[in-house]
């Protein structure tokens, strides 16, 4: 289990992953996606657009947390060997 976790955390640290998630965040804020969720529908009394934006914000924070955790775990262990 540890090698899989280590491999996943290493891949999250890659620069390409940062760029992909940044572009995904920008795409989620473009007109087509905002129009999809801009409906007069409520879930538990909250408008659908509010839930979409709040969930996207929370997901962004979670992804940043994973990136920072990967960065600190690899920067604090300089003897970490790269796996093929």
C-alpha atoms as a PDB file:
ATOM      1  CA  UNK A   1       0.000   0.000   0.000  1.00  0.00           C
ATOM      2  CA  UNK A   2       2.836   2.399   0.819  1.00  0.00           C
ATOM      3  CA  UNK A   3       4.504   2.147  -2.635  1.00  0.00           C
ATOM      4  CA  UNK A   4       1.194   2.923  -4.352  1.00  0.00           C
ATOM      5  CA  UNK A   5       0.602   5.941  -2.094  1.00  0.00           C
ATOM      6  CA  UNK A   6       4.163   7.114  -2.675  1.00  0.00           C
ATOM      7  CA  UNK A   7       3.782   6.768  -6.435  1.00  0.00           C
ATOM      8  CA  UNK A   8       0.473   8.657  -6.460  1.00  0.00           C
ATOM      9  CA  UNK A   9       1.884  11.462  -4.323  1.00  0.00           C
ATOM     10  CA  UNK A  10       4.896  11.713  -6.632  1.00  0.00           C
ATOM     11  CA  UNK A  11       2.669  12.043  -9.686  1.00  0.00           C
ATOM     12  CA  UNK A  12       0.611  14.749  -7.982  1.00  0.00           C
ATOM     13  CA  UNK A  13       3.773  16.777  -7.556  1.00  0.00           C
ATOM     14  CA  UNK A  14       4.454  16.935 -11.262  1.00  0.00           C
ATOM     15  CA  UNK A  15       4.229  20.288 -12.955  1.00  0.00           C
ATOM     16  CA  UNK A  16       1.877  18.919 -15.580  1.00  0.00           C
ATOM     17  CA  UNK A  17      -0.648  18.040 -12.889  1.00  0.00           C
ATOM     18  CA  UNK A  18      -0.619  21.606 -11.598  1.00  0.00           C
ATOM     19  CA  UNK A  19      -1.246  22.900 -15.107  1.00  0.00           C
ATOM     20  CA  UNK A  20      -4.028  20.402 -15.793  1.00  0.00           C
ATOM     21  CA  UNK A  21      -5.903  21.284 -12.600  1.00  0.00           C
ATOM     22  CA  UNK A  22      -5.442  25.010 -13.254  1.00  0.00           C
ATOM     23  CA  UNK A  23      -6.892  24.680 -16.753  1.00  0.00           C
ATOM     24  CA  UNK A  24      -9.713  22.500 -15.424  1.00  0.00           C
ATOM     25  CA  UNK A  25     -10.557  25.201 -12.874  1.00  0.00           C
ATOM     26  CA  UNK A  26     -10.663  27.850 -15.576  1.00  0.00           C
ATOM     27  CA  UNK A  27     -12.834  25.663 -17.800  1.00  0.00           C
ATOM     28  CA  UNK A  28     -15.247  25.107 -14.918  1.00  0.00           C
ATOM     29  CA  UNK A  29     -15.740  28.891 -14.714  1.00  0.00           C
ATOM     30  CA  UNK A  30     -16.544  29.425 -18.401  1.00  0.00           C
ATOM     31  CA  UNK A  31     -19.957  30.208 -19.823  1.00  0.00           C
ATOM     32  CA  UNK A  32     -21.142  26.707 -20.827  1.00  0.00           C
ATOM     33  CA  UNK A  33     -20.542  25.201 -17.386  1.00  0.00           C
ATOM     34  CA  UNK A  34     -21.983  28.166 -15.527  1.00  0.00           C
ATOM     35  CA  UNK A  35     -25.038  28.110 -17.801  1.00  0.00           C
ATOM     36  CA  UNK A  36     -25.601  24.400 -17.111  1.00  0.00           C
ATOM     37  CA  UNK A  37     -25.883  25.063 -13.390  1.00  0.00           C
ATOM     38  CA  UNK A  38     -27.713  28.402 -13.635  1.00  0.00           C
ATOM     39  CA  UNK A  39     -31.186  26.861 -13.253  1.00  0.00           C
ATOM     40  CA  UNK A  40     -34.070  27.815 -10.975  1.00  0.00           C
ATOM     41  CA  UNK A  41     -33.571  24.591  -9.001  1.00  0.00           C
ATOM     42  CA  UNK A  42     -32.830  24.355  -5.301  1.00  0.00           C
ATOM     43  CA  UNK A  43     -31.338  21.501  -3.336  1.00  0.00           C
ATOM     44  CA  UNK A  44     -32.089  21.687   0.376  1.00  0.00           C
ATOM     45  CA  UNK A  45     -33.003  25.334  -0.195  1.00  0.00           C
ATOM     46  CA  UNK A  46     -29.729  26.278  -1.879  1.00  0.00           C
ATOM     47  CA  UNK A  47     -29.628  27.327  -5.541  1.00  0.00           C
ATOM     48  CA  UNK A  48     -27.890  24.888  -7.860  1.00  0.00           C
ATOM     49  CA  UNK A  49     -25.344  27.535  -8.932  1.00  0.00           C
ATOM     50  CA  UNK A  50     -24.341  28.136  -5.303  1.00  0.00           C
ATOM     51  CA  UNK A  51     -23.811  24.407  -4.742  1.00  0.00           C
ATOM     52  CA  UNK A  52     -21.768  24.129  -7.956  1.00  0.00           C
ATOM     53  CA  UNK A  53     -19.477  27.016  -7.031  1.00  0.00           C
ATOM     54  CA  UNK A  54     -19.103  25.884  -3.412  1.00  0.00           C
ATOM     55  CA  UNK A  55     -18.331  22.283  -4.401  1.00  0.00           C
ATOM     56  CA  UNK A  56     -15.808  23.475  -7.007  1.00  0.00           C
ATOM     57  CA  UNK A  57     -14.152  25.721  -4.438  1.00  0.00           C
ATOM     58  CA  UNK A  58     -13.951  22.877  -1.895  1.00  0.00           C
ATOM     59  CA  UNK A  59     -12.562  20.512  -4.535  1.00  0.00           C
ATOM     60  CA  UNK A  60      -9.913  23.092  -5.484  1.00  0.00           C
ATOM     61  CA  UNK A  61      -8.837  23.409  -1.861  1.00  0.00           C
ATOM     62  CA  UNK A  62      -8.642  19.617  -1.552  1.00  0.00           C
ATOM     63  CA  UNK A  63      -6.459  19.351  -4.682  1.00  0.00           C
ATOM     64  CA  UNK A  64      -4.145  22.101  -3.409  1.00  0.00           C
ATOM     65  CA  UNK A  65      -3.929  20.250  -0.076  1.00  0.00           C
ATOM     66  CA  UNK A  66      -2.875  17.057  -1.896  1.00  0.00           C
ATOM     67  CA  UNK A  67      -0.250  18.943  -3.905  1.00  0.00           C
ATOM     68  CA  UNK A  68       1.176  20.625  -0.825  1.00  0.00           C
ATOM     69  CA  UNK A  69       1.222  17.353   1.083  1.00  0.00           C
ATOM     70  CA  UNK A  70       3.098  15.694  -1.784  1.00  0.00           C
ATOM     71  CA  UNK A  71       5.513  18.613  -1.995  1.00  0.00           C
ATOM     72  CA  UNK A  72       6.303  18.632   1.729  1.00  0.00           C
ATOM     73  CA  UNK A  73       6.670  14.854   1.937  1.00  0.00           C
ATOM     74  CA  UNK A  74       9.166  14.756  -0.920  1.00  0.00           C
ATOM     75  CA  UNK A  75      11.038  17.906   0.060  1.00  0.00           C
ATOM     76  CA  UNK A  76      11.457  16.715   3.655  1.00  0.00           C
ATOM     77  CA  UNK A  77      12.910  13.377   2.484  1.00  0.00           C
ATOM     78  CA  UNK A  78      15.933  14.190   0.274  1.00  0.00           C
ATOM     79  CA  UNK A  79      17.038  10.532   0.194  1.00  0.00           C
ATOM     80  CA  UNK A  80      13.828   9.516  -1.537  1.00  0.00           C
ATOM     81  CA  UNK A  81      14.611   7.353  -4.533  1.00  0.00           C
ATOM     82  CA  UNK A  82      12.673   7.764  -7.765  1.00  0.00           C
ATOM     83  CA  UNK A  83      10.745   4.691  -8.716  1.00  0.00           C
ATOM     84  CA  UNK A  84      10.532   3.611 -12.365  1.00  0.00           C
END
